[in-house]
Protein backbone atom coordinates (compact mmCIF):
# COMPACT_ATOMS: atom_id res chain seq x y z
CA MET A 1 22.72 -44.40 7.48
CA THR A 2 20.31 -41.65 8.40
CA ASN A 3 22.85 -38.93 7.54
CA ASN A 4 23.51 -40.46 4.12
CA TRP A 5 19.79 -40.66 3.42
CA MET A 6 19.34 -37.01 4.45
CA LYS A 7 22.20 -35.95 2.18
CA LYS A 8 20.68 -37.82 -0.77
CA GLN A 9 17.29 -36.23 -0.12
CA ARG A 10 18.88 -32.79 0.10
CA MET A 11 20.74 -33.32 -3.16
CA LEU A 12 17.54 -34.54 -4.81
CA GLY A 13 15.79 -31.39 -3.64
CA TYR A 14 18.57 -29.22 -5.09
CA LEU A 15 18.25 -31.06 -8.41
CA PHE A 16 14.52 -30.33 -8.52
CA ILE A 17 14.83 -26.61 -7.75
CA GLY A 18 18.05 -26.17 -9.72
CA PRO A 19 16.48 -25.43 -13.15
CA ASN A 20 14.05 -22.95 -11.63
CA MET A 21 16.77 -21.21 -9.63
CA LEU A 22 18.91 -21.04 -12.77
CA GLY A 23 16.03 -19.39 -14.60
CA VAL A 24 15.54 -16.88 -11.78
CA LEU A 25 19.27 -16.09 -11.81
CA LEU A 26 19.54 -15.68 -15.59
CA PHE A 27 16.26 -13.91 -16.33
CA PHE A 28 15.54 -11.97 -13.12
CA LEU A 29 18.49 -11.36 -10.81
CA ILE A 30 21.21 -10.66 -13.39
CA PRO A 31 18.95 -8.39 -15.54
CA ALA A 32 17.84 -6.58 -12.36
CA VAL A 33 21.45 -5.85 -11.36
CA PHE A 34 22.26 -4.84 -14.96
CA SER A 35 19.27 -2.46 -15.11
CA PHE A 36 20.28 -0.94 -11.77
CA GLY A 37 23.64 -0.08 -13.32
CA LEU A 38 21.99 1.31 -16.46
CA MET A 39 19.93 3.65 -14.29
CA PHE A 40 23.04 5.80 -13.80
CA THR A 41 23.95 5.98 -17.50
CA ASN A 42 22.58 7.54 -20.68
CA TYR A 43 22.70 4.22 -22.55
CA LYS A 44 20.59 4.05 -25.68
CA PHE A 45 20.07 0.85 -27.64
CA MET A 46 22.53 0.35 -30.54
CA ASN A 47 24.52 3.39 -29.40
CA PRO A 48 28.06 2.34 -28.42
CA LYS A 49 28.68 5.56 -26.48
CA VAL A 50 27.69 5.19 -22.84
CA ASP A 51 28.36 7.90 -20.25
CA PHE A 52 27.90 7.84 -16.51
CA VAL A 53 25.30 10.51 -15.66
CA GLY A 54 24.90 9.92 -11.94
CA PHE A 55 21.44 10.81 -10.64
CA ASP A 56 20.37 12.71 -13.78
CA ASN A 57 17.81 10.06 -14.73
CA ILE A 58 16.28 10.17 -11.24
CA ALA A 59 16.11 13.98 -11.40
CA ARG A 60 14.49 13.69 -14.84
CA LEU A 61 11.93 11.24 -13.46
CA MET A 62 10.99 13.58 -10.61
CA LYS A 63 10.29 16.38 -13.12
CA ASP A 64 8.62 14.19 -15.77
CA PRO A 65 4.87 15.01 -16.01
CA MET A 66 4.32 11.83 -18.02
CA PHE A 67 5.62 9.79 -15.09
CA TYR A 68 3.02 11.30 -12.76
CA LEU A 69 0.27 10.82 -15.34
CA SER A 70 1.21 7.16 -15.78
CA LEU A 71 1.29 6.79 -11.98
CA LYS A 72 -2.22 8.28 -11.74
CA ASN A 73 -3.48 5.95 -14.48
CA THR A 74 -1.88 3.01 -12.67
CA VAL A 75 -3.80 3.87 -9.48
CA ILE A 76 -7.07 3.97 -11.46
CA PHE A 77 -6.16 0.65 -13.06
CA LEU A 78 -5.45 -0.92 -9.66
CA ALA A 79 -8.97 -0.02 -8.52
CA ALA A 80 -10.20 -2.86 -10.73
CA VAL A 81 -8.51 -5.46 -8.50
CA PRO A 82 -10.69 -5.20 -5.34
CA VAL A 83 -13.82 -4.91 -7.49
CA SER A 84 -12.92 -8.09 -9.37
CA ILE A 85 -12.13 -9.87 -6.10
CA GLY A 86 -15.48 -8.87 -4.60
CA LEU A 87 -17.40 -9.99 -7.66
CA GLY A 88 -15.37 -13.19 -7.81
CA PHE A 89 -16.38 -13.98 -4.23
CA ILE A 90 -20.06 -13.36 -4.93
CA VAL A 91 -19.99 -15.56 -8.05
CA ALA A 92 -18.05 -18.28 -6.20
CA VAL A 93 -20.61 -18.36 -3.37
CA ALA A 94 -23.44 -18.55 -5.91
CA LEU A 95 -21.78 -21.34 -7.91
CA ASN A 96 -20.94 -23.27 -4.75
CA GLN A 97 -24.65 -24.03 -4.34
CA LYS A 98 -26.61 -26.84 -5.91
CA ILE A 99 -27.67 -25.16 -9.13
CA TYR A 100 -28.36 -26.37 -12.65
CA LEU A 101 -25.35 -26.51 -15.05
CA LYS A 102 -22.99 -25.48 -12.25
CA LYS A 103 -19.86 -26.95 -13.88
CA LEU A 104 -20.65 -25.35 -17.23
CA LEU A 105 -21.13 -21.95 -15.62
CA ARG A 106 -17.84 -22.27 -13.76
CA GLY A 107 -16.07 -23.03 -17.02
CA MET A 108 -17.72 -20.09 -18.77
CA TYR A 109 -16.63 -17.66 -16.04
CA PHE A 110 -13.08 -18.99 -16.07
CA MET A 111 -12.73 -19.05 -19.88
CA PRO A 112 -11.73 -15.34 -20.30
CA TYR A 113 -8.69 -15.82 -18.05
CA ILE A 114 -7.18 -18.46 -20.35
CA THR A 115 -8.14 -16.65 -23.56
CA SER A 116 -5.50 -14.88 -25.63
CA GLY A 117 -5.03 -11.30 -24.51
CA VAL A 118 -4.98 -10.09 -28.13
CA ALA A 119 -8.28 -11.84 -28.83
CA VAL A 120 -9.77 -10.27 -25.70
CA ALA A 121 -8.53 -6.86 -26.83
CA PHE A 122 -10.14 -7.05 -30.28
CA VAL A 123 -13.47 -8.31 -28.91
CA TRP A 124 -13.70 -5.47 -26.41
CA MET A 125 -12.67 -2.92 -29.04
CA LEU A 126 -15.73 -4.01 -31.01
CA LEU A 127 -18.00 -4.03 -27.96
CA PHE A 128 -16.86 -0.54 -26.91
CA HIS A 129 -17.06 1.01 -30.38
CA PRO A 130 -18.71 4.40 -29.75
CA LYS A 131 -21.03 4.31 -32.79
CA GLN A 132 -21.46 0.71 -33.90
CA GLY A 133 -20.67 -1.18 -30.69
CA PRO A 134 -23.46 -3.30 -29.12
CA ILE A 135 -22.92 -1.75 -25.67
CA ASN A 136 -23.71 1.78 -26.82
CA GLY A 137 -26.44 0.38 -29.05
CA LEU A 138 -28.07 -1.11 -25.95
CA LEU A 139 -27.67 2.17 -24.04
CA ARG A 140 -29.33 4.10 -26.86
CA SER A 141 -32.19 1.60 -26.99
CA ILE A 142 -33.03 2.32 -23.34
CA GLY A 143 -33.07 6.07 -23.84
CA ILE A 144 -29.47 7.21 -23.28
CA ASP A 145 -28.89 9.58 -26.21
CA ASN A 146 -25.23 10.34 -25.49
CA PRO A 147 -23.56 7.15 -24.25
CA PRO A 148 -19.90 7.21 -23.19
CA GLY A 149 -17.18 7.21 -25.79
CA TRP A 150 -15.43 4.45 -23.83
CA LEU A 151 -12.02 3.81 -25.41
CA SER A 152 -12.25 6.79 -27.77
CA THR A 153 -12.22 9.60 -25.17
CA THR A 154 -9.67 10.65 -22.57
CA THR A 155 -12.30 10.90 -19.82
CA SER A 156 -13.67 7.35 -20.06
CA SER A 157 -10.88 5.25 -21.60
CA MET A 158 -9.17 4.27 -18.33
CA PHE A 159 -12.48 3.23 -16.79
CA ALA A 160 -13.23 1.14 -19.87
CA ILE A 161 -9.88 -0.59 -19.38
CA ASP A 162 -10.89 -1.24 -15.76
CA ILE A 163 -14.12 -2.91 -16.91
CA ILE A 164 -12.15 -5.17 -19.25
CA TRP A 165 -9.68 -6.09 -16.51
CA ILE A 166 -12.46 -6.83 -14.00
CA TRP A 167 -14.08 -9.16 -16.53
CA PHE A 168 -10.71 -10.76 -17.34
CA MET A 169 -9.74 -11.48 -13.70
CA LEU A 170 -13.19 -12.44 -12.43
CA GLY A 171 -12.96 -16.12 -13.40
CA TYR A 172 -9.55 -16.60 -11.79
CA ASN A 173 -10.70 -15.04 -8.52
CA MET A 174 -13.83 -17.18 -8.60
CA ILE A 175 -11.87 -20.43 -9.01
CA ILE A 176 -9.54 -19.61 -6.10
CA TYR A 177 -12.51 -18.72 -3.89
CA LEU A 178 -14.28 -21.94 -4.86
CA ALA A 179 -11.25 -23.88 -3.63
CA ALA A 180 -11.31 -21.93 -0.36
CA LEU A 181 -15.04 -22.51 0.12
CA GLN A 182 -14.49 -26.27 0.12
CA GLU A 183 -12.58 -25.85 3.39
CA VAL A 184 -15.38 -23.96 5.15
CA SER A 185 -16.93 -26.17 7.85
CA GLN A 186 -20.45 -27.19 6.89
CA GLU A 187 -21.20 -27.93 10.56
CA LEU A 188 -20.46 -24.29 11.38
CA LEU A 189 -22.83 -23.09 8.65
CA GLU A 190 -25.56 -25.48 9.80
CA ALA A 191 -25.14 -24.25 13.38
CA ALA A 192 -25.56 -20.67 12.19
CA LYS A 193 -28.77 -21.60 10.35
CA ILE A 194 -30.13 -23.30 13.46
CA ASP A 195 -29.37 -20.15 15.47
CA GLY A 196 -31.51 -18.17 13.03
CA ALA A 197 -28.84 -16.50 10.88
CA LYS A 198 -30.08 -15.39 7.46
CA ARG A 199 -28.29 -16.24 4.22
CA GLY A 200 -26.71 -12.80 3.90
CA GLN A 201 -25.49 -12.85 7.49
CA ILE A 202 -23.91 -16.28 6.99
CA VAL A 203 -22.08 -15.08 3.88
CA TRP A 204 -20.72 -11.79 5.24
CA ARG A 205 -20.25 -12.63 8.92
CA ILE A 206 -19.04 -16.23 8.69
CA ILE A 207 -17.90 -17.23 5.19
CA TRP A 208 -16.21 -13.93 4.27
CA PRO A 209 -13.98 -13.82 7.41
CA LEU A 210 -13.12 -17.51 7.03
CA VAL A 211 -11.82 -16.99 3.48
CA SER A 212 -9.94 -13.77 4.37
CA PRO A 213 -6.51 -15.46 3.88
CA THR A 214 -7.58 -16.24 0.31
CA THR A 215 -8.71 -12.64 -0.14
CA PHE A 216 -5.33 -11.44 1.09
CA LEU A 217 -3.55 -13.76 -1.36
CA LEU A 218 -5.70 -12.58 -4.28
CA LEU A 219 -5.21 -8.95 -3.31
CA ILE A 220 -1.41 -9.17 -3.21
CA THR A 221 -1.04 -11.27 -6.37
CA GLY A 222 -3.76 -9.33 -8.19
CA LEU A 223 -2.22 -5.92 -7.48
CA ILE A 224 1.27 -7.09 -8.46
CA MET A 225 0.00 -8.73 -11.64
CA THR A 226 -2.08 -5.67 -12.54
CA ILE A 227 0.67 -3.14 -11.95
CA LYS A 228 3.02 -5.12 -14.23
CA THR A 229 0.45 -5.69 -16.98
CA PHE A 230 0.62 -3.74 -20.20
CA GLY A 231 -0.16 -6.27 -22.96
CA ILE A 232 -3.92 -5.75 -23.05
CA ILE A 233 -3.60 -1.96 -22.94
CA GLN A 234 -0.92 -2.03 -25.63
CA ALA A 235 -3.18 -4.16 -27.84
CA ILE A 236 -6.30 -2.03 -27.28
CA THR A 237 -5.21 1.61 -27.03
CA GLN A 238 -1.38 1.70 -27.17
CA GLY A 239 -1.66 4.08 -24.22
CA GLY A 240 -4.04 6.51 -25.93
CA PRO A 241 -6.05 8.51 -26.58
CA GLY A 242 -3.79 11.31 -25.43
CA ASN A 243 -1.83 9.04 -23.05
CA SER A 244 -4.99 8.60 -20.98
CA THR A 245 -4.38 4.84 -20.64
CA THR A 246 -0.59 4.90 -20.33
CA ILE A 247 0.20 3.12 -17.07
CA LEU A 248 3.64 2.92 -15.51
CA SER A 249 4.58 -0.50 -16.94
CA LEU A 250 3.57 0.63 -20.43
CA TYR A 251 5.60 3.82 -20.02
CA VAL A 252 8.64 1.67 -19.16
CA TYR A 253 8.03 -0.40 -22.30
CA GLN A 254 7.65 2.69 -24.48
CA ASN A 255 10.92 4.22 -23.30
CA ALA A 256 12.81 0.97 -23.66
CA PHE A 257 11.50 -0.39 -26.96
CA ARG A 258 10.01 2.61 -28.74
CA TYR A 259 12.52 5.34 -27.85
CA TYR A 260 15.39 2.91 -26.99
CA ASP A 261 16.24 5.06 -23.96
CA MET A 262 17.42 2.18 -21.80
CA GLY A 263 18.91 4.35 -19.06
CA TYR A 264 15.68 6.18 -18.36
CA ALA A 265 13.60 3.03 -18.85
CA SER A 266 15.72 1.32 -16.17
CA THR A 267 15.02 4.24 -13.83
CA LEU A 268 11.30 3.89 -14.48
CA SER A 269 11.43 0.14 -13.94
CA TRP A 270 13.05 0.62 -10.54
CA ALA A 271 10.40 3.21 -9.69
CA LEU A 272 7.84 0.55 -10.63
CA PHE A 273 9.63 -1.89 -8.31
CA VAL A 274 9.44 0.64 -5.45
CA VAL A 275 5.70 1.10 -6.03
CA ILE A 276 5.12 -2.67 -5.96
CA LEU A 277 7.24 -2.99 -2.82
CA LEU A 278 5.33 -0.22 -1.02
CA ILE A 279 1.95 -1.69 -1.97
CA THR A 280 3.03 -5.14 -0.75
CA LEU A 281 4.40 -3.77 2.53
CA ILE A 282 1.23 -1.78 3.20
CA GLN A 283 -0.90 -4.86 2.59
CA TRP A 284 1.38 -7.06 4.69
CA ILE A 285 1.16 -4.68 7.65
CA GLY A 286 -2.56 -4.02 7.22
CA GLN A 287 -3.55 -7.68 6.90
CA LYS A 288 -3.03 -8.18 10.64
CA ARG A 289 -6.28 -6.29 11.24
CA TRP A 290 -8.61 -8.13 8.90
CA VAL A 291 -7.09 -11.48 7.93
CA HIS A 292 -8.16 -14.36 10.20
CA TYR A 293 -5.99 -17.48 10.10
């Protein structure tokens, strides 16, 4: 009887995960294997002639200055992740207190994350307008005669994208931290107060280590999500000016769907996979030193 019940439960479990596994197979695993094969060809979209070129695409990638520029821009873009996580933690701690309109403030912080990326792009394009934008207008009003060009110059455009991404991810990080803060023992915090610990000491020496598993989760998922993101950048700058905001994922998209060079785009996508894998492995090894379970 027990064996029959276990078999039925197992079959029920397979039925539940079946649609998801089918989706993973059709839209992830099979395309990944197909792109790996394309990496060794010169396949171009709508061109019936396909030749095996061996490691030519990999050699081209190693000599491609645009690849290294996009890799550099990706690193700058990734710097927004820890900043957003840190700010999300601070906001979560603040909104975990008994303050007026707490629920409304939580909703306002989270709202950007569920807003359309295109809408976010157009709003920030207006805010960062070098001449008529309110941000530069505010900077001029406080005495800064030559405010940054933000999205219009090669020197500041990537940092402007970072600001947008920090703002975009802040609410999500805050919500996850708020969930983690509910699990922090109030007795432990009260004991620390009785022992004379100040508010700042409680936050950084007790609360911060206790939510380190959440920080680790946000760091891994945030870096992976960021390194694969290109929609906001495509909507705001299309990789410009002068390729100064072209990150690796956008460079893959450009080669695949602008130049239709599927062979080289597949090579770039696998390079992107290697970068994500290395970042994840480094974090997984390093978390043993600072994550407290």
